[in-house]
Protein backbone atom coordinates (compact mmCIF):
# COMPACT_ATOMS: atom_id res chain seq x y z
CA MET A 1 176.01 284.35 27.25
CA ALA A 2 177.23 282.12 26.64
CA THR A 3 176.19 282.59 29.73
CA ASN A 4 175.44 285.01 30.41
CA SER A 5 175.12 286.49 29.67
CA SER A 6 178.23 285.15 28.95
CA THR A 7 179.72 283.59 25.96
CA PRO A 8 183.15 282.48 26.98
CA ASP A 9 183.64 278.73 26.63
CA PRO A 10 184.04 277.33 30.15
CA ALA A 11 186.36 274.65 28.81
CA GLN A 12 188.77 277.32 27.54
CA LYS A 13 188.97 280.05 30.18
CA ASP A 14 191.06 283.09 29.23
CA GLN A 15 193.11 283.90 32.29
CA SER A 16 193.23 287.61 31.48
CA GLN A 17 189.45 287.86 31.62
CA ASN A 18 188.05 284.73 33.23
CA THR A 19 189.41 285.24 36.72
CA ARG A 20 187.98 283.39 39.65
CA HIS A 21 186.96 285.28 42.72
CA HIS A 22 187.47 284.28 46.33
CA ILE A 23 184.95 285.85 48.70
CA PRO A 24 186.72 287.30 51.75
CA ARG A 25 184.92 286.80 55.02
CA ARG A 26 184.56 290.56 55.53
CA THR A 27 182.58 290.96 52.30
CA MET A 28 179.88 288.51 53.32
CA MET A 29 176.98 289.39 55.56
CA LEU A 30 177.30 287.45 58.76
CA GLY A 31 174.23 286.37 60.64
CA SER A 32 172.65 283.65 62.65
CA ALA A 33 171.52 280.81 60.42
CA ALA A 34 168.92 279.95 63.00
CA ALA A 35 167.16 283.25 62.32
CA LEU A 36 166.88 282.65 58.58
CA GLY A 37 164.01 281.23 56.59
CA SER A 38 161.40 281.67 59.32
CA ALA A 39 158.67 282.24 56.77
CA ALA A 40 159.40 278.89 55.18
CA ALA A 41 159.51 277.11 58.53
CA ALA A 42 156.17 278.59 59.55
CA ALA A 43 154.37 277.56 56.36
CA VAL A 44 151.77 274.84 56.42
CA ALA A 45 153.24 271.60 55.08
CA PRO A 46 151.29 270.52 51.99
CA GLY A 47 150.79 266.98 50.84
CA VAL A 48 153.19 265.56 48.30
CA ALA A 49 152.27 263.31 45.42
CA GLN A 50 154.29 261.81 42.60
CA ALA A 51 153.21 261.35 39.00
CA ALA A 52 154.96 259.01 36.56
CA ASP A 53 156.53 260.69 33.54
CA PRO A 54 157.06 259.47 29.97
CA ASP A 55 160.79 258.98 30.58
CA GLY A 56 160.20 256.86 33.68
CA SER A 57 161.19 259.62 36.12
CA HIS A 58 158.88 261.45 38.50
CA GLN A 59 157.82 264.99 39.17
CA VAL A 60 157.11 266.19 42.67
CA LEU A 61 153.72 267.87 42.91
CA PRO A 62 153.22 269.35 46.37
CA ALA A 63 150.01 271.22 46.98
CA ARG A 64 150.34 274.95 46.99
CA GLY A 65 150.64 275.62 50.70
CA GLN A 66 150.77 279.19 51.95
CA GLN A 67 151.61 281.97 49.49
CA ARG A 68 152.25 285.68 49.62
CA PRO A 69 148.99 287.66 49.36
CA GLY A 70 147.65 287.81 45.81
CA ALA A 71 150.24 285.40 44.47
CA THR A 72 149.22 283.19 41.59
CA VAL A 73 152.60 281.98 40.27
CA VAL A 74 154.63 280.14 42.92
CA PRO A 75 158.13 278.82 42.07
CA GLY A 76 159.25 275.34 43.01
CA ALA A 77 161.55 276.60 45.76
CA ASP A 78 158.67 278.33 47.55
CA ARG A 79 156.58 275.18 47.32
CA ALA A 80 159.42 273.07 48.68
CA ALA A 81 159.92 275.50 51.57
CA ALA A 82 156.19 275.44 52.30
CA SER A 83 156.48 271.68 52.77
CA LYS A 84 159.32 272.31 55.26
CA TRP A 85 161.67 270.77 52.68
CA SER A 86 160.03 267.40 53.31
CA MET A 87 161.31 265.88 50.06
CA LEU A 88 164.90 266.48 51.24
CA ARG A 89 164.68 265.15 54.79
CA GLY A 90 167.02 262.31 55.63
CA GLN A 91 169.31 263.06 52.69
CA LYS A 92 172.71 264.72 52.38
CA VAL A 93 171.94 267.42 49.86
CA GLY A 94 174.19 269.10 47.31
CA VAL A 95 172.77 272.36 45.95
CA ILE A 96 173.58 273.87 42.55
CA THR A 97 172.37 277.47 42.74
CA ASN A 98 173.27 281.14 42.45
CA PRO A 99 171.70 284.45 43.57
CA THR A 100 168.48 283.63 41.69
CA GLY A 101 167.80 280.66 43.97
CA ILE A 102 165.62 282.62 46.38
CA LEU A 103 162.41 282.32 48.34
CA THR A 104 160.01 284.94 47.05
CA ASP A 105 158.71 286.16 50.41
CA THR A 106 162.09 286.70 52.05
CA MET A 107 164.23 287.29 48.93
CA GLY A 108 166.82 285.20 50.75
CA SER A 109 168.89 282.30 49.40
CA ILE A 110 167.40 278.82 49.47
CA VAL A 111 170.68 277.60 50.96
CA ASP A 112 170.37 279.99 53.91
CA ALA A 113 166.76 278.82 54.40
CA MET A 114 167.66 275.13 54.11
CA VAL A 115 170.43 275.43 56.68
CA ALA A 116 168.11 277.35 59.03
CA ALA A 117 165.52 274.57 58.62
CA ARG A 118 168.20 271.96 59.42
CA VAL A 119 168.29 270.38 56.00
CA ASP A 120 171.60 268.51 55.76
CA VAL A 121 173.31 270.64 53.10
CA ALA A 122 176.51 268.76 52.29
CA GLY A 123 177.81 271.30 49.78
CA VAL A 124 176.91 274.09 47.37
CA PHE A 125 178.14 274.01 43.78
CA GLY A 126 178.56 277.43 42.18
CA PRO A 127 178.17 277.87 38.38
CA GLU A 128 179.51 280.70 36.24
CA HIS A 129 179.49 283.94 38.27
CA GLY A 130 179.47 281.90 41.49
CA PHE A 131 177.04 281.00 44.26
CA ARG A 132 176.89 284.52 45.70
CA GLY A 133 177.35 286.12 42.25
CA THR A 134 180.62 287.97 42.71
CA ALA A 135 182.25 287.02 39.38
CA GLN A 136 181.81 288.55 35.95
CA ALA A 137 181.27 286.76 32.61
CA GLY A 138 183.56 283.78 32.18
CA GLY A 139 184.50 283.88 35.86
CA SER A 140 183.67 281.95 39.00
CA GLU A 141 184.29 281.87 42.74
CA ASP A 142 187.03 279.68 44.15
CA THR A 143 186.08 276.83 46.45
CA TYR A 144 185.61 278.27 49.94
CA THR A 145 183.65 277.94 53.17
CA ASP A 146 180.58 280.15 53.14
CA PRO A 147 180.88 282.32 56.28
CA ARG A 148 177.12 282.70 56.66
CA THR A 149 176.20 279.01 56.69
CA GLY A 150 179.51 277.20 57.23
CA VAL A 151 178.79 275.11 54.11
CA THR A 152 181.59 274.34 51.64
CA VAL A 153 180.99 276.05 48.28
CA TYR A 154 182.66 274.26 45.37
CA ASP A 155 183.71 275.98 42.15
CA ALA A 156 181.65 274.11 39.55
CA TYR A 157 181.96 276.48 36.58
CA GLY A 158 183.10 274.51 33.56
CA ALA A 159 183.14 271.28 35.60
CA GLN A 160 182.76 268.12 33.58
CA ALA A 161 180.98 265.04 34.89
CA ASP A 162 184.12 263.48 36.37
CA LYS A 163 184.83 266.59 38.44
CA PHE A 164 181.22 266.74 39.58
CA ALA A 165 181.41 263.08 40.57
CA THR A 166 184.54 263.77 42.63
CA MET A 167 182.98 266.80 44.32
CA PHE A 168 179.71 264.95 45.05
CA THR A 169 181.65 262.02 46.49
CA ASP A 170 183.91 264.23 48.60
CA ALA A 171 180.87 266.05 50.00
CA GLY A 172 178.93 262.82 50.57
CA VAL A 173 175.98 264.00 48.46
CA GLN A 174 172.96 261.71 48.12
CA THR A 175 170.50 264.14 46.50
CA VAL A 176 171.44 266.90 44.05
CA VAL A 177 169.18 269.99 44.00
CA PHE A 178 169.25 272.42 41.06
CA ASP A 179 167.67 275.87 41.45
CA ILE A 180 168.76 278.59 39.01
CA GLN A 181 166.68 281.05 37.00
CA ASP A 182 167.45 280.16 33.39
CA VAL A 183 166.57 282.30 30.35
CA GLY A 184 165.59 279.61 27.84
CA VAL A 185 168.58 279.95 25.50
CA ARG A 186 171.08 277.24 24.55
CA PHE A 187 174.20 279.36 24.95
CA TYR A 188 173.37 280.45 28.50
CA THR A 189 175.67 278.12 30.42
CA TYR A 190 173.64 277.17 33.50
CA ILE A 191 171.79 274.32 31.81
CA TRP A 192 175.12 272.80 30.78
CA THR A 193 176.27 272.89 34.40
CA MET A 194 173.09 270.92 35.11
CA TYR A 195 173.82 268.57 32.17
CA GLN A 196 177.26 267.60 33.51
CA ALA A 197 175.91 267.27 37.05
CA MET A 198 173.20 264.94 35.75
CA ILE A 199 175.77 262.72 34.02
CA ALA A 200 177.66 262.46 37.32
CA ALA A 201 174.43 261.76 39.20
CA VAL A 202 173.57 258.92 36.81
CA LYS A 203 176.96 257.31 37.33
CA LEU A 204 176.78 257.68 41.11
CA LYS A 205 173.08 256.70 41.23
CA LEU A 206 172.13 259.93 42.98
CA ARG A 207 168.67 261.44 43.12
CA PHE A 208 168.25 264.71 41.18
CA VAL A 209 165.71 267.39 42.15
CA VAL A 210 164.91 270.54 40.15
CA LEU A 211 163.17 273.40 41.94
CA ASP A 212 161.56 274.88 38.86
CA ARG A 213 161.16 278.52 37.80
CA PRO A 214 159.43 280.19 34.83
CA VAL A 215 161.24 280.61 31.53
CA PRO A 216 161.22 284.39 30.95
CA ASN A 217 161.10 284.49 27.13
CA GLY A 218 158.07 282.29 26.50
CA GLY A 219 157.62 278.59 25.91
CA ASN A 220 158.01 278.42 22.13
CA ALA A 221 161.15 276.95 20.54
CA ASP A 222 163.06 278.76 17.79
CA GLY A 223 166.31 278.74 15.86
CA PRO A 224 168.85 276.16 14.69
CA VAL A 225 169.85 272.96 16.48
CA MET A 226 173.41 272.33 17.71
CA THR A 227 175.42 269.93 15.54
CA PRO A 228 178.14 267.57 16.86
CA ASP A 229 181.15 269.30 15.28
CA TYR A 230 180.44 272.61 17.03
CA THR A 231 179.68 271.62 20.60
CA SER A 232 181.41 273.58 23.36
CA GLY A 233 180.78 274.90 26.84
CA VAL A 234 178.01 277.09 25.41
CA GLY A 235 176.22 274.22 23.69
CA GLN A 236 177.13 270.66 24.63
CA ASP A 237 174.41 268.69 22.88
CA ALA A 238 171.68 268.84 20.22
CA LEU A 239 169.47 271.52 21.72
CA VAL A 240 167.77 274.27 19.73
CA GLN A 241 168.98 277.87 20.14
CA LYS A 242 165.83 279.12 21.94
CA HIS A 243 164.60 275.98 23.65
CA GLY A 244 161.77 277.74 25.52
CA MET A 245 161.76 275.24 28.39
CA THR A 246 162.02 275.68 32.13
CA ALA A 247 165.00 274.11 33.86
CA GLY A 248 162.75 271.27 34.99
CA GLU A 249 161.61 270.61 31.44
CA VAL A 250 165.19 270.79 30.19
CA ALA A 251 166.24 268.26 32.83
CA ARG A 252 163.48 265.89 31.72
CA TYR A 253 164.54 266.34 28.08
CA PHE A 254 168.20 265.72 28.95
CA ASN A 255 167.26 262.65 30.96
CA GLY A 256 165.14 261.14 28.21
CA GLU A 257 167.15 262.12 25.13
CA PHE A 258 170.80 262.54 26.15
CA MET A 259 171.57 260.65 29.37
CA PRO A 260 171.22 257.14 27.89
CA VAL A 261 174.03 257.97 25.43
CA LYS A 262 176.17 260.36 27.50
CA ALA A 263 175.88 258.61 30.87
CA GLY A 264 174.94 255.06 29.94
CA GLY A 265 171.48 255.34 31.44
CA ARG A 266 168.92 257.62 32.99
CA LEU A 267 168.84 259.12 36.45
CA ALA A 268 167.80 256.71 39.19
CA LYS A 269 165.25 259.34 40.21
CA LEU A 270 164.47 262.75 38.74
CA ASP A 271 162.01 264.94 40.63
CA VAL A 272 160.73 268.34 39.50
CA VAL A 273 158.99 270.63 41.98
CA THR A 274 156.81 272.48 39.50
CA VAL A 275 155.77 276.14 39.36
CA SER A 276 152.12 276.44 40.35
CA GLY A 277 149.81 278.85 38.54
CA TYR A 278 152.19 279.06 35.58
CA ARG A 279 151.61 278.69 31.84
CA ALA A 280 154.50 278.55 29.40
CA ASP A 281 152.98 281.28 27.23
CA MET A 282 153.55 283.74 30.08
CA LEU A 283 156.39 286.21 29.87
CA PHE A 284 158.19 287.08 33.08
CA ALA A 285 156.18 290.27 33.61
CA ASP A 286 153.02 288.13 33.67
CA THR A 287 154.22 286.08 36.65
CA GLY A 288 154.34 288.87 39.24
CA LEU A 289 157.66 287.48 40.50
CA PRO A 290 160.69 289.66 41.33
CA TRP A 291 163.46 289.69 38.75
CA VAL A 292 166.83 288.74 40.20
CA LEU A 293 169.72 289.15 37.76
CA PRO A 294 170.70 285.63 36.64
CA SER A 295 174.08 287.09 35.65
CA PRO A 296 175.67 290.56 35.65
CA ASN A 297 174.71 291.28 32.04
CA MET A 298 171.08 290.14 32.26
CA PRO A 299 169.62 293.15 34.09
CA THR A 300 165.96 293.01 33.07
CA PRO A 301 163.32 290.64 31.68
CA ASP A 302 163.49 292.68 28.45
CA THR A 303 167.16 291.68 28.16
CA ALA A 304 166.19 288.04 28.54
CA LEU A 305 163.46 288.42 25.91
CA LEU A 306 165.94 289.70 23.31
CA TYR A 307 168.95 287.62 24.33
CA ALA A 308 168.18 284.54 22.22
CA GLY A 309 168.82 286.77 19.20
CA THR A 310 171.01 289.68 20.26
CA GLY A 311 173.31 287.31 22.12
CA LEU A 312 174.60 286.47 18.63
CA PHE A 313 176.31 289.88 18.52
CA GLU A 314 178.89 288.30 20.84
CA ALA A 315 180.07 286.65 17.61
CA THR A 316 180.65 289.91 15.71
CA ASN A 317 182.97 292.90 15.91
CA LEU A 318 180.16 295.03 17.34
CA SER A 319 179.69 295.77 21.02
CA GLU A 320 176.75 293.78 22.33
CA GLY A 321 176.30 296.38 25.05
CA ARG A 322 178.58 294.99 27.71
CA GLY A 323 179.90 297.93 29.65
CA THR A 324 176.57 299.77 29.29
CA THR A 325 173.48 299.67 31.46
CA ARG A 326 171.48 297.77 28.81
CA PRO A 327 173.58 294.87 27.48
CA PHE A 328 172.03 292.92 24.59
CA GLU A 329 169.63 295.82 24.02
CA ILE A 330 172.27 298.38 22.99
CA ILE A 331 174.30 297.24 19.97
CA GLY A 332 176.89 299.20 17.99
CA ALA A 333 180.40 299.78 16.66
CA PRO A 334 182.63 302.74 15.75
CA TYR A 335 181.76 302.36 12.05
CA VAL A 336 177.94 302.39 12.50
CA ASP A 337 175.91 305.56 11.89
CA TYR A 338 172.30 306.75 11.63
CA ARG A 339 171.61 304.68 8.53
CA TRP A 340 171.35 301.44 10.49
CA ALA A 341 168.37 302.52 12.61
CA GLN A 342 166.64 303.92 9.53
CA ALA A 343 167.13 300.71 7.56
CA LEU A 344 165.94 298.52 10.43
CA ASN A 345 162.78 300.50 11.09
CA ARG A 346 161.86 300.26 7.42
CA ARG A 347 161.76 296.49 7.90
CA LYS A 348 158.86 296.87 10.38
CA LEU A 349 159.92 293.97 12.55
CA PRO A 350 157.22 292.76 14.95
CA GLY A 351 157.24 294.07 18.50
CA VAL A 352 160.37 296.24 18.32
CA TRP A 353 161.61 299.70 17.33
CA PHE A 354 165.21 300.79 16.81
CA ARG A 355 166.40 304.07 18.27
CA GLU A 356 169.56 305.60 16.82
CA MET A 357 172.06 306.13 19.61
CA TYR A 358 175.73 306.70 20.41
CA PHE A 359 177.51 305.22 23.39
CA THR A 360 180.93 304.39 24.84
CA PRO A 361 181.11 300.90 26.37
CA THR A 362 183.34 300.65 29.42
CA ALA A 363 184.14 296.95 28.95
CA SER A 364 184.51 294.16 26.41
CA LYS A 365 184.62 294.89 22.65
CA ASN A 366 185.17 298.52 21.61
CA ALA A 367 185.72 299.50 25.24
CA ASN A 368 186.26 303.23 25.76
CA THR A 369 185.51 303.92 22.09
CA VAL A 370 182.54 305.92 20.84
CA CYS A 371 180.15 303.63 18.98
CA GLY A 372 177.18 304.37 16.78
CA GLY A 373 174.32 301.94 16.89
CA VAL A 374 170.83 301.25 18.10
CA GLN A 375 168.88 300.52 21.22
CA VAL A 376 166.27 297.84 20.61
CA HIS A 377 163.07 299.07 22.24
CA ILE A 378 160.34 296.52 22.93
CA LEU A 379 156.93 297.86 21.91
CA ASP A 380 154.95 294.63 22.22
CA PRO A 381 156.72 291.82 24.11
CA LYS A 382 154.19 289.23 22.94
CA LYS A 383 155.19 289.83 19.31
CA VAL A 384 158.98 289.89 19.68
CA GLN A 385 160.83 287.33 17.55
CA ALA A 386 164.31 287.64 19.02
CA ILE A 387 166.25 285.43 16.60
CA ARG A 388 164.60 286.79 13.47
CA THR A 389 165.23 290.32 14.77
CA ALA A 390 168.95 289.63 15.21
CA VAL A 391 169.22 288.03 11.77
CA GLU A 392 167.58 291.07 10.18
CA MET A 393 169.98 293.31 12.10
CA MET A 394 173.03 291.42 10.83
CA VAL A 395 171.80 291.28 7.24
CA SER A 396 171.31 295.04 7.35
CA LEU A 397 174.80 295.58 8.80
CA ARG A 398 176.34 293.43 6.08
CA ASP A 399 174.58 295.42 3.38
CA LEU A 400 175.44 298.84 4.85
CA TYR A 401 178.97 298.55 6.21
CA ASP A 402 182.08 296.96 4.74
CA ASP A 403 183.64 296.89 8.22
CA PHE A 404 181.09 294.42 9.59
CA GLY A 405 182.90 291.23 10.58
CA TRP A 406 183.08 288.14 12.76
CA ARG A 407 184.84 287.64 16.07
CA THR A 408 187.55 284.98 16.00
CA GLY A 409 190.41 283.82 18.19
CA ASP A 410 190.88 284.80 21.85
CA THR A 411 189.56 281.98 24.06
CA TYR A 412 188.52 279.59 21.28
CA SER A 413 189.45 278.52 17.77
CA GLY A 414 187.39 279.28 14.69
CA TYR A 415 184.31 281.47 14.49
CA TRP A 416 182.33 282.15 17.62
CA ALA A 417 179.19 282.45 15.45
CA ASP A 418 179.45 278.77 14.60
CA ARG A 419 179.51 277.81 18.27
CA LEU A 420 176.56 280.01 19.14
CA THR A 421 174.37 278.95 16.21
CA GLY A 422 175.49 275.32 16.22
CA SER A 423 177.07 275.06 12.78
CA ALA A 424 178.77 277.11 10.05
CA ARG A 425 175.53 277.45 8.09
CA PHE A 426 174.32 280.77 9.52
CA ARG A 427 177.68 282.50 9.06
CA THR A 428 178.32 281.20 5.57
CA GLN A 429 174.81 282.04 4.39
CA LEU A 430 175.14 285.59 5.71
CA ASP A 431 178.54 286.03 4.10
CA ALA A 432 177.17 284.72 0.79
CA GLY A 433 174.51 287.43 0.69
CA ALA A 434 171.45 285.41 1.77
CA SER A 435 168.35 287.28 2.87
CA ALA A 436 167.06 287.08 6.42
CA ALA A 437 164.07 285.06 5.21
CA THR A 438 166.36 282.49 3.56
CA ILE A 439 168.53 282.18 6.67
CA VAL A 440 165.54 281.68 8.97
CA ALA A 441 163.98 279.15 6.57
CA GLY A 442 167.20 277.12 6.75
CA TRP A 443 166.43 275.72 10.18
CA ARG A 444 162.67 275.30 9.84
CA SER A 445 162.62 271.51 9.43
CA GLU A 446 165.09 270.76 12.25
CA LEU A 447 163.18 273.14 14.54
CA ALA A 448 159.92 271.32 13.81
CA ALA A 449 161.56 267.97 14.56
CA PHE A 450 162.95 269.29 17.84
CA ASP A 451 159.57 270.70 18.82
CA ARG A 452 158.03 267.25 18.34
CA ARG A 453 160.75 265.55 20.37
CA ARG A 454 160.39 267.84 23.35
CA ARG A 455 156.62 267.47 23.75
CA PRO A 456 156.65 264.39 26.04
CA TYR A 457 158.90 266.23 28.48
CA LEU A 458 156.94 269.47 28.81
CA LEU A 459 155.22 270.24 32.10
CA TYR A 460 153.31 273.46 31.42
CA ARG A 461 150.49 274.34 29.05
CA ARG A 462 151.51 276.10 25.84
């Protein structure tokens, strides 16, 4: 998406596209906070234990408590609510969340439930797209008072650590809570909002709590690692392209690997409320949980499964499907014809099939122009290799169409492909005529090294 699915660099917002949105009072649903979150308040409070972690932090492991009938996978937020938010009592809490931060039984916001349960919510910090989700890619909501809860909502999209520190101090925050459904991809911006908030929390000696959720595209890592010369708002440190970690695991990795250098030390206390009944080899459909759009262009779990690869089409002159109902699944351009689908299906890529199609995107690249292209259909989600699939797609485009090219300019300098992949290697290899197999082999050793480094921080069986 950069996130999200958005790829604009938060540090370089284009004012013509990246507009912030203020939520008028009349557009919000008004209600009595006292009537919210009753299911959470009525739940039996489980016991809470702490287990020491390799990085010296702790994870919070409450017992399961009450669940919806038949539930086996229970997100961290539901477990925290079942404990009547016991781990947050006596603290002024700052919450980083968006519309995905829900309780499963009520489908209501954790902030609404916390306020109803009399948790002292000092402020909410909205990432890209905002707390209530009113903004499009590269946009955010202005700082405002939430009319439902009366809590101040701060615009945190693109905020660096110093701004977070100022906002936390102004709000009087003692504990920072992060609860956002991530998609397991480096250039989805929510984890970098967490990264900057963690740096601020280290400097202010604040406690940091992650209410964990499943990673929807599986727990394996894949792709190239970010290099220092190409960091940006869509990749701020040396993380692999498909990191395959939950937000809680990412926070533990950040705390152990990056905070000592970036913040001068680790968090005073990092707690992760884990997902019960979850294994990292599950895809989202296996969890039985409702899918809430993490961003406007991430409509389905299938989108999230392909996004680690097809998100790279943000870096080309093709439409990546923005302005259609299936972004990152529908890909095309005015110069593409039937030959692309034929060539791709001859490659027999695992888990997918390419349907020839024609479409007119209503937004973003090639808006209001008829495009030829493909829809990537998932035949076997367990076999999908998103990054390899995208590389094969681009190699085929290069070989078929002279008009295939890279996106440059607008809100950043240089090639967007270099920012998304972490270096110039992918782009230059493709331009030089390398095969997909050669390109994929290029990051094999760095991927293996990353996979070894992340192991001490993982929480779920793989």
